[in-house]
Protein backbone atom coordinates (compact mmCIF):
# COMPACT_ATOMS: atom_id res chain seq x y z
CA MET A 1 0.10 0.01 0.08
CA ALA A 2 2.74 2.58 0.83
CA THR A 3 4.73 4.10 -1.73
CA ASP A 4 8.46 3.46 -2.17
CA GLU A 5 9.31 7.01 -1.10
CA SER A 6 6.99 7.06 1.98
CA ALA A 7 8.19 3.74 3.01
CA ARG A 8 11.74 5.06 3.03
CA ALA A 9 10.62 8.08 5.01
CA ALA A 10 8.41 6.26 7.44
CA VAL A 11 9.49 6.30 11.16
CA VAL A 12 8.06 4.55 14.15
CA THR A 13 8.03 4.93 17.74
CA ALA A 14 9.06 2.21 20.44
CA ALA A 15 5.26 1.74 21.12
CA GLU A 16 4.58 1.16 17.40
CA ILE A 17 7.44 -1.32 17.32
CA ALA A 18 5.83 -3.21 20.04
CA ARG A 19 2.38 -3.37 18.22
CA LEU A 20 4.03 -4.46 14.92
CA ALA A 21 5.83 -7.24 16.67
CA GLY A 22 3.00 -8.21 19.07
CA VAL A 23 5.05 -7.56 22.28
CA THR A 24 5.10 -5.12 25.12
CA ARG A 25 7.16 -1.95 25.09
CA ALA A 26 9.32 -3.28 27.74
CA ALA A 27 10.26 -6.09 25.29
CA VAL A 28 11.49 -3.36 22.80
CA SER A 29 13.47 -1.84 25.56
CA ASN A 30 15.17 -4.80 26.23
CA TRP A 31 15.89 -5.57 22.56
CA ARG A 32 17.55 -2.15 22.33
CA ARG A 33 19.72 -2.83 25.27
CA ARG A 34 20.67 -6.50 24.59
CA HIS A 35 21.13 -6.39 20.82
CA PRO A 36 24.10 -4.21 19.52
CA ASP A 37 22.50 -4.69 15.85
CA PHE A 38 19.07 -3.19 16.80
CA PRO A 39 18.31 -0.15 14.59
CA HIS A 40 19.50 3.15 15.80
CA PRO A 41 17.17 6.08 16.15
CA ALA A 42 16.69 7.78 12.80
CA ALA A 43 14.97 10.79 14.27
CA GLY A 44 13.13 12.12 17.32
CA THR A 45 14.85 12.95 20.56
CA ALA A 46 16.94 11.11 23.12
CA THR A 47 13.79 10.44 25.30
CA SER A 48 11.23 9.94 22.37
CA PRO A 49 13.45 8.26 19.56
CA LEU A 50 11.97 7.40 16.07
CA PHE A 51 13.19 4.35 14.19
CA ALA A 52 13.11 3.62 10.52
CA LEU A 53 10.32 1.36 9.63
CA ALA A 54 12.27 -0.43 7.00
CA GLU A 55 15.19 -1.02 9.25
CA VAL A 56 12.92 -2.24 12.07
CA GLN A 57 11.08 -4.65 9.73
CA GLN A 58 14.57 -6.01 8.48
CA TRP A 59 15.76 -6.63 12.19
CA LEU A 60 12.50 -8.34 13.12
CA ASP A 61 12.71 -10.57 10.17
CA ARG A 62 16.45 -11.49 10.86
CA GLN A 63 15.41 -12.08 14.59
CA GLY A 64 12.25 -14.22 13.59
CA LYS A 65 10.17 -11.59 15.34
CA GLY A 66 8.69 -10.10 12.48
CA ARG A 67 5.00 -10.07 11.46
CA GLU A 68 3.56 -8.76 8.16
CA THR A 69 2.39 -5.33 8.62
CA SER A 70 -1.39 -4.81 8.31
CA ASP A 71 -3.03 -2.53 6.10
CA GLU A 72 -4.08 -0.23 9.09
CA VAL A 73 0.04 0.06 9.89
CA ASP A 74 0.62 0.88 6.29
CA LEU A 75 -2.18 3.62 6.36
CA TRP A 76 -0.58 4.91 9.54
CA HIS A 77 2.85 5.34 7.90
CA GLU A 78 1.25 7.00 4.91
CA LEU A 79 -0.27 9.61 7.10
CA ARG A 80 3.05 9.92 8.82
CA ALA A 81 4.69 10.50 5.45
CA GLN A 82 2.28 13.19 4.51
CA TYR A 83 1.62 14.99 7.90
CA GLY A 84 4.94 14.23 9.77
CA ASP A 85 4.36 14.75 13.50
CA ASP A 86 1.28 16.81 13.08
CA LEU A 87 -1.05 13.81 13.66
CA LEU A 88 -4.11 15.84 14.71
CA THR A 89 -4.30 17.35 11.32
CA ALA A 90 -4.07 13.85 9.95
CA LEU A 91 -6.75 12.40 12.19
CA GLY A 92 -8.86 15.35 11.14
CA ALA A 93 -8.28 14.86 7.44
CA VAL A 94 -9.32 11.12 7.95
CA GLY A 95 -12.49 12.10 9.98
CA ALA A 96 -13.47 14.58 7.14
CA GLN A 97 -13.10 11.89 4.53
CA LEU A 98 -15.09 9.44 6.44
CA LEU A 99 -17.99 11.88 7.05
CA GLY A 100 -17.74 13.42 3.57
CA THR A 101 -17.03 16.87 4.95
CA ALA A 102 -14.10 19.34 3.82
CA ALA A 103 -10.66 19.29 5.39
CA GLU A 104 -8.00 22.16 5.39
CA ARG A 105 -5.40 19.60 4.30
CA PRO A 106 -7.14 16.80 2.72
CA LEU A 107 -5.56 13.32 2.38
CA ALA A 108 -3.14 12.60 -0.49
CA GLU A 109 -4.22 9.82 -2.95
CA PRO A 110 -2.41 6.97 -1.41
CA ALA A 111 -3.82 7.53 2.19
CA ALA A 112 -7.32 8.55 0.72
CA ALA A 113 -7.57 5.28 -1.20
CA ALA A 114 -6.53 3.35 1.84
CA VAL A 115 -9.05 4.88 4.12
CA THR A 116 -11.84 4.06 1.45
CA ALA A 117 -10.83 0.45 1.17
CA LEU A 118 -10.33 -0.09 5.11
CA SER A 119 -13.48 1.63 6.07
CA ALA A 120 -15.29 -0.69 3.65
CA GLU A 121 -13.84 -3.65 4.97
CA ARG A 122 -13.70 -2.86 8.76
CA GLY A 123 -16.26 -0.07 9.28
CA THR A 124 -15.86 3.69 9.70
CA GLN A 125 -15.99 3.59 13.45
CA ALA A 126 -13.60 0.66 13.99
CA LEU A 127 -11.00 2.31 11.65
CA TYR A 128 -11.17 5.68 13.18
CA ALA A 129 -10.98 4.23 16.67
CA ASP A 130 -7.90 2.31 15.67
CA LEU A 131 -6.15 5.47 14.29
CA VAL A 132 -7.21 7.49 17.38
CA GLU A 133 -5.54 4.88 19.64
CA ARG A 134 -2.40 5.05 17.60
CA CYS A 135 -2.30 8.80 17.92
CA ILE A 136 -2.71 8.63 21.58
CA THR A 137 0.04 6.22 22.27
CA SER A 138 2.41 7.96 19.79
CA THR A 139 5.24 9.65 21.66
CA SER A 140 6.09 12.09 18.92
CA ARG A 141 3.12 14.34 18.40
CA SER A 142 3.96 17.82 17.35
CA GLY A 143 3.61 20.48 20.12
CA GLY A 144 3.24 17.95 23.00
CA GLU A 145 -0.32 18.43 22.98
CA GLN A 146 -2.11 16.82 25.97
CA MET A 147 -4.24 13.89 25.30
CA THR A 148 -5.76 11.51 27.89
CA THR A 149 -4.00 8.26 27.70
CA LEU A 150 -5.59 4.99 27.32
CA ALA A 151 -4.62 3.86 30.83
CA LEU A 152 -5.82 7.27 32.47
CA GLU A 153 -9.08 6.78 30.52
CA ARG A 154 -9.70 3.41 32.08
CA ILE A 155 -8.91 4.56 35.45
CA VAL A 156 -11.13 7.62 35.51
CA ALA A 157 -14.01 5.39 34.20
CA ALA A 158 -13.35 2.89 37.02
CA PHE A 159 -13.60 5.61 39.86
CA ALA A 160 -16.57 7.31 38.20
CA GLY A 161 -18.51 4.20 38.43
CA PRO A 162 -22.32 4.25 38.57
CA VAL A 163 -23.34 7.94 39.50
CA GLY A 164 -26.90 9.14 39.77
CA ARG A 165 -28.34 12.50 40.66
CA ALA A 166 -29.36 12.75 44.25
CA ASN A 167 -27.06 10.03 45.35
CA GLY A 168 -28.48 7.43 42.98
CA ALA A 169 -32.21 8.30 43.24
CA ALA A 170 -34.75 6.17 41.45
CA ASN A 171 -32.96 4.71 38.38
CA GLY A 172 -29.44 5.72 39.52
CA THR A 173 -28.31 6.64 35.86
CA VAL A 174 -26.33 9.48 34.64
CA SER A 175 -27.95 11.52 31.79
CA THR A 176 -25.48 14.22 31.28
CA VAL A 177 -21.59 14.17 31.33
CA TYR A 178 -19.52 17.31 31.00
CA ASP A 179 -15.92 17.90 30.19
CA PRO A 180 -14.49 21.36 30.05
CA ALA A 181 -11.38 20.69 28.62
CA CYS A 182 -12.32 17.54 26.47
CA GLY A 183 -9.46 17.32 23.92
CA ILE A 184 -10.32 14.58 21.29
CA GLY A 185 -13.44 13.47 23.59
CA THR A 186 -11.92 10.52 25.16
CA LEU A 187 -13.45 10.79 28.59
CA LEU A 188 -16.75 11.95 27.23
CA LEU A 189 -17.13 8.87 25.06
CA THR A 190 -15.71 6.28 27.38
CA VAL A 191 -16.84 7.21 30.95
CA ILE A 192 -20.66 6.77 30.75
CA PRO A 193 -21.89 5.35 27.52
CA GLY A 194 -25.29 6.38 26.59
CA ALA A 195 -25.48 9.78 28.48
CA HIS A 196 -25.53 12.84 26.57
CA GLY A 197 -22.14 14.49 26.68
CA TYR A 198 -21.12 18.29 26.62
CA GLY A 199 -17.48 19.32 25.97
CA GLN A 200 -15.47 22.47 25.33
CA GLU A 201 -12.10 22.41 23.75
CA LEU A 202 -9.87 25.37 22.93
CA ASN A 203 -8.03 23.88 20.06
CA PRO A 204 -10.42 23.93 16.96
CA ALA A 205 -8.43 20.83 15.31
CA THR A 206 -8.82 18.83 18.56
CA ALA A 207 -12.42 19.92 19.02
CA ALA A 208 -13.20 18.79 15.46
CA ILE A 209 -11.81 15.25 16.29
CA ALA A 210 -13.91 14.88 19.20
CA GLY A 211 -16.94 15.71 17.06
CA PHE A 212 -15.78 13.17 14.18
CA ARG A 213 -15.52 10.59 16.93
CA ALA A 214 -18.96 11.27 18.38
CA ARG A 215 -20.69 11.20 14.85
CA LEU A 216 -18.88 7.99 14.01
CA ASP A 217 -19.82 6.46 17.25
CA GLY A 218 -23.40 7.57 17.01
CA ARG A 219 -23.24 9.28 20.25
CA ALA A 220 -25.15 12.34 21.34
CA ILE A 221 -22.22 14.72 22.17
CA THR A 222 -22.26 18.61 21.85
CA VAL A 223 -18.70 20.09 21.52
CA ALA A 224 -17.93 23.65 21.70
CA CYS A 225 -14.77 25.54 20.71
CA GLY A 226 -13.45 28.00 23.09
CA ASP A 227 -11.81 28.84 26.41
CA SER A 228 -14.07 27.19 29.13
CA LEU A 229 -12.78 29.57 31.87
CA ARG A 230 -12.88 32.97 30.00
CA GLU A 231 -15.86 31.88 27.48
CA ASP A 232 -17.98 29.27 29.20
CA ALA A 233 -20.16 27.74 26.39
CA PHE A 234 -22.54 26.07 28.92
CA PRO A 235 -23.14 28.47 31.80
CA ASP A 236 -26.31 26.97 32.80
CA LEU A 237 -25.49 23.14 32.47
CA ARG A 238 -25.56 21.15 35.62
CA ALA A 239 -24.19 17.74 34.94
CA ASP A 240 -24.58 14.38 36.78
CA LEU A 241 -20.81 13.67 36.15
CA VAL A 242 -18.05 16.16 35.27
CA VAL A 243 -14.65 14.81 34.21
CA CYS A 244 -11.59 16.91 33.40
CA GLU A 245 -8.00 16.65 32.78
CA PRO A 246 -7.11 20.32 32.70
CA PRO A 247 -4.09 21.93 31.23
CA VAL A 248 -1.27 22.01 33.75
CA GLY A 249 0.56 25.08 34.98
CA VAL A 250 -1.06 27.76 32.67
CA ALA A 251 -0.17 31.26 34.17
CA ASP A 252 -2.56 33.33 31.99
CA TRP A 253 -5.77 31.66 32.65
CA GLY A 254 -7.78 34.85 33.01
CA ARG A 255 -7.64 35.69 36.64
CA ASP A 256 -7.80 39.55 36.19
CA GLU A 257 -10.81 39.16 33.97
CA LEU A 258 -12.59 36.97 36.27
CA LEU A 259 -11.96 38.25 39.58
CA LEU A 260 -15.63 38.63 40.35
CA ASP A 261 -16.70 35.55 38.61
CA PRO A 262 -19.59 33.59 40.59
CA ARG A 263 -17.77 30.41 40.07
CA TRP A 264 -15.25 31.20 42.71
CA ASP A 265 -17.45 30.19 45.69
CA LEU A 266 -14.38 28.86 47.59
CA GLY A 267 -12.44 31.96 46.82
CA VAL A 268 -10.46 33.53 43.93
CA PRO A 269 -7.80 31.11 42.84
CA PRO A 270 -4.20 32.50 42.98
CA ARG A 271 -2.63 33.33 39.71
CA SER A 272 -0.16 30.27 40.04
CA GLU A 273 -3.17 27.88 40.77
CA SER A 274 -4.98 27.53 37.55
CA GLU A 275 -5.89 23.97 38.42
CA LEU A 276 -7.94 25.18 41.51
CA ALA A 277 -9.96 27.37 38.92
CA TRP A 278 -10.68 24.40 36.91
CA VAL A 279 -11.71 22.69 40.15
CA GLN A 280 -14.25 25.40 41.01
CA HIS A 281 -15.43 25.55 37.32
CA CYS A 282 -16.16 21.81 37.30
CA TYR A 283 -17.87 21.94 40.75
CA ALA A 284 -19.99 24.95 39.58
CA HIS A 285 -21.27 22.70 36.73
CA THR A 286 -21.94 19.75 38.84
CA ALA A 287 -25.83 18.92 39.86
CA PRO A 288 -26.92 18.25 43.36
CA GLY A 289 -25.86 14.60 44.23
CA GLY A 290 -23.60 14.60 41.00
CA ARG A 291 -19.87 14.18 41.27
CA ALA A 292 -16.80 15.77 39.61
CA LEU A 293 -13.57 13.79 38.85
CA LEU A 294 -10.46 15.83 38.05
CA VAL A 295 -6.85 14.59 37.30
CA LEU A 296 -4.48 17.05 38.75
CA PRO A 297 -0.77 17.24 39.24
CA ALA A 298 0.21 15.81 42.89
CA SER A 299 1.59 19.16 43.63
CA VAL A 300 -1.86 20.80 43.77
CA ALA A 301 -2.42 18.90 47.13
CA TYR A 302 0.12 20.62 49.05
CA ARG A 303 1.08 23.88 47.38
CA LYS A 304 1.15 26.81 49.81
CA ALA A 305 -0.77 29.35 47.55
CA GLY A 306 -3.72 26.94 47.33
CA ARG A 307 -4.23 25.82 51.05
CA ARG A 308 -7.34 28.21 51.70
CA ILE A 309 -9.30 26.91 48.71
CA ARG A 310 -8.32 23.21 49.71
CA ALA A 311 -9.48 24.07 53.28
CA GLU A 312 -12.85 25.08 52.05
CA LEU A 313 -13.33 21.97 50.02
CA VAL A 314 -12.63 19.96 53.04
CA ARG A 315 -14.55 22.16 55.52
CA ARG A 316 -17.82 22.01 53.37
CA GLY A 317 -17.61 18.31 52.69
CA LEU A 318 -17.27 18.81 48.83
CA LEU A 319 -14.06 16.61 48.60
CA THR A 320 -14.93 12.96 49.17
CA SER A 321 -11.47 11.23 47.81
CA VAL A 322 -8.21 11.82 46.73
CA VAL A 323 -6.36 9.08 44.73
CA ALA A 324 -2.66 9.07 44.42
CA LEU A 325 -1.75 7.70 40.83
CA PRO A 326 1.72 6.27 39.60
CA PRO A 327 3.91 8.46 37.21
CA GLY A 328 3.61 7.79 33.44
CA LEU A 329 0.02 8.01 33.05
CA MET A 330 -0.07 11.46 31.40
CA SER A 331 0.86 12.16 27.70
CA SER A 332 2.54 15.67 28.41
CA HIS A 333 4.71 14.72 31.29
CA SER A 334 5.83 11.89 33.36
CA LEU A 335 5.11 13.25 36.96
CA PRO A 336 2.65 11.35 39.36
CA VAL A 337 -0.94 12.92 39.53
CA ASN A 338 -3.82 12.54 41.86
CA LEU A 339 -7.48 12.05 40.91
CA TRP A 340 -9.73 14.38 43.06
CA ILE A 341 -13.28 13.26 43.50
CA LEU A 342 -15.89 15.94 44.52
CA GLN A 343 -19.55 15.66 45.11
CA ARG A 344 -22.23 18.37 45.37
CA PRO A 345 -24.39 17.69 48.37
CA VAL A 346 -28.14 17.18 48.11
CA ARG A 347 -30.22 19.59 50.30
CA GLY A 348 -31.20 17.78 53.70
CA THR A 349 -28.23 15.22 53.62
CA LEU A 350 -25.30 15.32 56.10
CA ASP A 351 -21.97 16.53 55.00
CA PRO A 352 -19.39 13.66 55.06
CA MET A 353 -16.96 14.02 58.03
CA HIS A 354 -13.97 12.43 56.30
CA VAL A 355 -11.89 12.40 53.04
CA ARG A 356 -10.99 8.96 51.71
CA MET A 357 -7.17 8.90 50.70
CA ILE A 358 -6.27 6.11 48.29
CA ASP A 359 -2.56 5.60 47.55
CA LEU A 360 -1.82 3.90 44.40
CA ASN A 361 1.50 5.64 43.63
CA THR A 362 3.36 2.49 43.48
CA ALA A 363 0.75 0.33 41.78
CA ASP A 364 1.27 -1.06 38.27
CA PRO A 365 -0.49 1.40 35.99
CA ASP A 366 -1.89 -1.40 33.93
CA ASP A 367 -3.75 -2.90 36.95
CA ILE A 368 -5.39 0.25 38.20
CA GLY A 369 -9.04 0.29 37.02
CA THR A 370 -9.20 -3.46 36.44
CA LYS A 371 -10.76 -6.01 38.69
CA ASN A 372 -7.48 -7.28 39.82
CA GLY A 373 -6.25 -3.70 40.46
CA ALA A 374 -8.88 -2.58 42.96
CA PRO A 375 -7.38 -0.65 46.06
CA THR A 376 -6.68 -2.90 48.99
CA PRO A 377 -7.60 -1.94 52.50
CA GLU A 378 -3.96 -1.26 53.24
CA GLN A 379 -3.97 1.43 50.32
CA ILE A 380 -7.06 3.19 51.77
CA ALA A 381 -7.42 5.66 54.88
CA ASP A 382 -10.49 7.57 55.86
CA ILE A 383 -9.21 10.67 57.36
CA PRO A 384 -11.43 12.79 59.57
CA SER A 385 -11.91 16.21 57.97
CA ILE A 386 -10.75 17.96 61.20
CA ASP A 387 -7.23 16.32 61.02
CA LEU A 388 -6.74 17.67 57.46
CA LEU A 389 -7.45 21.17 58.43
CA ASP A 390 -4.17 22.02 59.82
CA ASP A 391 -1.70 24.90 58.69
CA ASP A 392 -0.77 22.98 55.50
CA VAL A 393 -3.95 21.47 54.45
CA ASP A 394 -1.95 18.76 52.81
CA LEU A 395 -4.11 16.41 50.65
CA SER A 396 -1.40 14.01 49.63
CA PRO A 397 -2.53 10.54 50.11
CA SER A 398 0.92 9.25 50.91
CA ARG A 399 0.91 11.46 53.99
CA TYR A 400 -1.98 9.52 55.46
CA VAL A 401 -1.74 6.08 54.00
CA THR A 402 1.02 3.87 55.60
CA PRO A 403 2.73 1.79 52.98
CA HIS A 404 2.04 -1.90 53.22
CA HIS A 405 4.26 -4.67 52.28
CA SER A 406 2.75 -8.22 52.63
CA ASP A 407 6.41 -9.77 53.00
CA TYR A 408 9.25 -7.42 53.74
CA PRO A 409 12.03 -10.11 53.82
CA VAL A 410 10.84 -11.63 50.40
CA GLU A 411 10.44 -8.16 48.59
CA TYR A 412 13.57 -6.91 49.94
CA ALA A 413 15.65 -10.12 48.95
CA ALA A 414 14.07 -10.06 45.37
CA LEU A 415 15.12 -6.48 44.95
CA ARG A 416 18.73 -7.13 46.26
CA GLU A 417 18.84 -10.00 43.86
CA ARG A 418 17.69 -7.94 40.95
CA ILE A 419 20.27 -5.11 41.99
CA GLN A 420 23.11 -7.76 42.02
CA SER A 421 21.89 -8.80 38.51
CA LEU A 422 21.84 -5.30 37.25
CA ALA A 423 25.29 -4.59 38.76
CA ARG A 424 26.69 -7.52 36.58
CA ASP A 425 24.96 -6.30 33.52
CA LEU A 426 26.30 -2.79 34.14
CA LEU A 427 29.76 -3.97 34.46
CA ASP A 428 29.46 -6.01 31.27
CA LEU A 429 28.23 -3.00 29.39
CA LEU A 430 30.59 -0.44 30.61
CA PRO A 431 33.56 -0.96 28.31
CA VAL A 432 37.26 -1.34 29.24
CA LEU A 433 38.98 1.68 27.83
CA PRO A 434 42.68 1.68 27.76
CA ALA A 435 44.76 4.63 28.26
CA GLY A 436 45.07 7.04 25.35
CA PRO A 437 47.87 9.46 24.27
CA GLY A 438 45.71 12.53 25.79
CA ARG A 439 44.56 14.12 22.48
CA ILE A 440 43.18 12.91 19.10
CA GLU A 441 45.41 13.69 16.38
CA ALA A 442 42.82 14.44 13.60
CA ALA A 443 41.73 17.53 11.76
CA PRO A 444 38.33 18.71 13.11
CA MET A 445 35.32 19.10 10.87
CA GLY A 446 32.25 21.16 11.49
CA LEU A 447 28.83 19.64 12.25
CA GLY A 448 27.29 22.77 10.09
CA ASP A 449 29.30 21.63 7.09
CA LEU A 450 28.17 18.07 7.33
CA VAL A 451 24.48 19.38 7.58
CA ARG A 452 24.75 21.56 4.85
CA GLY A 453 26.36 18.94 2.69
CA GLY A 454 23.34 16.65 3.35
CA LEU A 455 25.65 14.06 5.04
CA VAL A 456 23.78 14.56 8.46
CA ASP A 457 20.45 15.06 9.53
CA LEU A 458 19.91 17.34 12.64
CA ASP A 459 16.53 17.17 14.74
CA GLY A 460 16.86 18.98 17.88
CA THR A 461 19.61 17.42 19.97
CA VAL A 462 19.78 14.41 17.71
CA ALA A 463 22.17 13.84 14.82
CA THR A 464 22.00 11.14 12.27
CA SER A 465 24.31 10.18 9.63
CA ARG A 466 23.16 9.88 5.96
CA THR A 467 26.36 8.35 4.53
CA ASP A 468 28.08 5.02 5.10
CA GLN A 469 31.23 6.94 5.50
CA LEU A 470 29.97 8.40 8.87
CA ASP A 471 29.05 6.30 11.74
CA THR A 472 26.02 7.72 13.67
CA ASP A 473 26.99 6.45 16.92
CA CYS A 474 30.48 7.80 16.67
CA LEU A 475 29.07 11.17 15.52
CA ARG A 476 26.66 11.28 18.44
CA GLY A 477 29.26 10.25 20.95
CA PHE A 478 31.68 13.18 19.89
CA LEU A 479 28.92 15.63 19.78
CA ARG A 480 28.49 14.81 23.65
CA SER A 481 32.10 15.96 24.36
CA ALA A 482 32.55 18.65 27.04
CA ALA A 483 33.57 21.28 24.43
CA ASN A 484 30.36 20.59 22.30
CA THR A 485 28.19 20.48 25.25
CA ARG A 486 29.36 23.93 26.56
CA ARG A 487 28.83 25.42 23.05
CA SER A 488 25.29 23.69 22.98
CA THR A 489 24.12 24.82 26.40
CA THR A 490 22.02 28.06 26.66
CA ALA A 491 22.08 30.50 29.46
CA SER A 492 19.18 28.91 30.87
CA GLY A 493 20.72 25.43 30.98
CA THR A 494 18.63 24.11 27.95
CA LEU A 495 20.75 21.76 25.63
CA ARG A 496 20.23 22.92 22.04
CA LEU A 497 22.77 21.36 19.71
CA SER A 498 24.63 23.94 17.70
CA ALA A 499 25.13 23.07 14.12
CA SER A 500 27.37 26.21 13.53
CA GLY A 501 29.86 25.45 16.65
CA ALA A 502 30.05 21.60 17.15
CA GLN A 503 32.95 19.86 15.91
CA LEU A 504 34.25 16.19 15.63
CA PRO A 505 37.57 14.66 14.32
CA GLN A 506 37.93 13.32 10.91
CA MET A 507 38.87 9.61 10.84
CA ASP A 508 38.35 6.63 8.69
CA ILE A 509 35.26 4.60 8.83
CA GLY A 510 36.91 1.59 10.58
CA LEU A 511 38.02 3.58 13.57
CA GLN A 512 34.66 5.50 13.69
CA ARG A 513 32.91 2.14 14.20
CA GLU A 514 35.36 1.20 16.94
CA TYR A 515 34.38 4.51 18.69
CA GLY A 516 30.74 4.17 17.73
CA GLU A 517 30.59 0.52 19.53
CA ALA A 518 32.12 2.24 22.65
CA PHE A 519 29.67 4.96 22.67
CA ARG A 520 26.80 2.63 22.01
CA ARG A 521 27.82 0.48 24.99
CA LEU A 522 27.85 3.65 27.05
CA ALA A 523 24.47 4.79 26.05
CA ALA A 524 23.04 1.16 26.82
CA PHE A 525 24.99 1.57 30.23
CA GLU A 526 23.39 4.91 30.84
CA GLU A 527 19.84 3.43 30.37
CA LEU A 528 20.29 0.49 32.44
CA LEU A 529 21.96 2.88 35.12
CA ARG A 530 18.47 4.72 35.31
CA GLU A 531 16.58 1.62 35.65
CA ALA A 532 19.03 0.51 38.57
CA ALA A 533 18.70 3.88 40.15
CA ALA A 534 14.91 3.38 40.39
CA ILE A 535 15.09 -0.07 41.70
CA GLY A 536 17.73 1.10 44.21
CA GLY A 537 15.42 3.73 45.31
CA ARG A 538 12.56 1.32 45.91
CA ALA A 539 15.15 -1.12 47.97
CA SER A 540 16.35 1.63 50.13
CA THR A 541 12.80 2.94 50.92
CA LEU A 542 11.63 -0.56 51.76
CA ALA A 543 14.71 -1.17 54.01
CA TYR A 544 14.19 2.07 55.89
CA ASP A 545 10.39 1.26 56.31
CA GLY A 546 11.27 -2.36 57.34
CA LEU A 547 13.87 -1.61 59.81
CA THR A 548 11.77 1.22 61.38
CA THR A 549 8.70 -0.89 61.80
CA GLY A 550 10.31 -4.10 62.80
CA ALA A 551 9.67 -6.09 59.70
CA LEU A 552 13.50 -6.30 58.98
CA LEU A 553 16.40 -6.59 61.53
CA PRO A 554 20.00 -5.15 61.03
CA PRO A 555 22.35 -7.74 59.30
CA SER A 556 24.03 -8.87 62.59
CA ALA A 557 20.60 -9.24 64.26
CA THR A 558 22.21 -8.42 67.58
CA SER A 559 18.82 -6.63 68.80
CA ASP A 560 15.45 -7.73 69.32
CA LEU A 561 12.30 -5.62 69.11
CA SER A 562 12.57 -4.58 72.76
CA GLY A 563 15.62 -2.27 71.93
CA LYS A 564 17.87 -4.25 74.19
CA SER A 565 21.01 -6.23 72.97
CA LYS A 566 21.39 -9.85 73.66
CA SER A 567 24.24 -9.14 76.26
CA GLN A 568 21.96 -6.87 78.08
CA LYS A 569 19.17 -9.45 78.13
CA ALA A 570 21.61 -12.06 79.41
CA GLN A 571 22.70 -9.98 82.27
CA GLU A 572 19.07 -9.25 83.28
CA GLN A 573 18.36 -13.03 83.30
């Protein structure tokens, strides 16, 4: 299906390689670390690399891990070839074709023909859902726009549960759902199937995709385009369920224009607390007995500037639960987040006297929201409201939920064994480097000359060779020299590779490959070292916790839990 030119240009993420091979992303990471011949990144960044599709397919075939690419995969790479990382525009063009509407940048002929054929074979809704999922899991979307990930979608849906107006009156159903920052409509379409959804989205392209998804799903969803805080499209709406993954850390959210806004019933949010403006906006649109679920950065729970509003939430009994979620659930950052659950009281009912704290910060993100991943009693603490209303009003679940380990000795021994294995692997990866003469006797060549000559592609901080006379790993290794790093670091500390100033030595391709192999092993060493640091952190935390609770003893085991040594006890006897 793909043309020869687009096939050569097609690149894939690690997640897409996993889907292509039918394995997990962890398996792909392991392949990169364990197999020196695994294809090197052809584009992207160090944290979000992109690999040439043709090279990946060849490697999978050599390893016996390859699978024939599906027509959907070929279509995806046609879209990548036409739109690059602007995947929202690509999805918009596909949606417009499926619904027979005009698009600003319509599909080119190969992709248009593929969409027509696949929609006839699979159905328009199934095809579009597959492409949307691929876009969500892609790590290379232009602009880093925020999207609700598949894991977060499942978690929010699980905690939303059956919600009805007036605490589940009569039929206990939800008739209206509202998302004031709906993005491509994921939460609106997923949380409560069958309810009428209302959403608002600032980005017109993103709002259009939400509308396409709703129409293709046959769902009753109204999506408005605009700024929910400044230009509320549904001022009179009171929904049974409000869900929101608001934008993070927005300084100019309209505070000066909205000082007298009636939504600030709990107090005017400080300029630095845009998330608390979204909290109050969502609560203002919640019907009596209804609930609001917001995904917020963990820091919102304890930042000093927001403590007065947090105190009002607790004092009035509006905040029912805070769920600490593990890092890696967000598309725009890797920080841990919290799920805040609010409920608007029904007149005549008693306000709750506690807030439920649930700490899932160390849980497997793939388990949360499933039957096997339900919070255990050890991960839950019901904290009296009065205990939260101190000077800090810290709503972090980790402050109130005591970590529980079912078997400290077994867990600690397993972590030590893993660290020992990692230590051996680290030593194997770290190359033995004999002493050198102290300088490299080779004429320097400028990176800018190589880029202008078409011999090197430069994408941000990633350089890739386009000739067999220049080894990519050697190139990247020398660009990390102290001198090149100084030239490429801005006054603010940002690394921005400078094509005009960076230099590397001229050497024959054989010697380049020797250097390249050393640099490649160093890169794998760094990646494994990061994994070891994370595991080491868990081991030390477990050790401190076990020693201070009595679940573990010091190595010599000369003390018992009475605090007296064996010799002291012998003298007493």
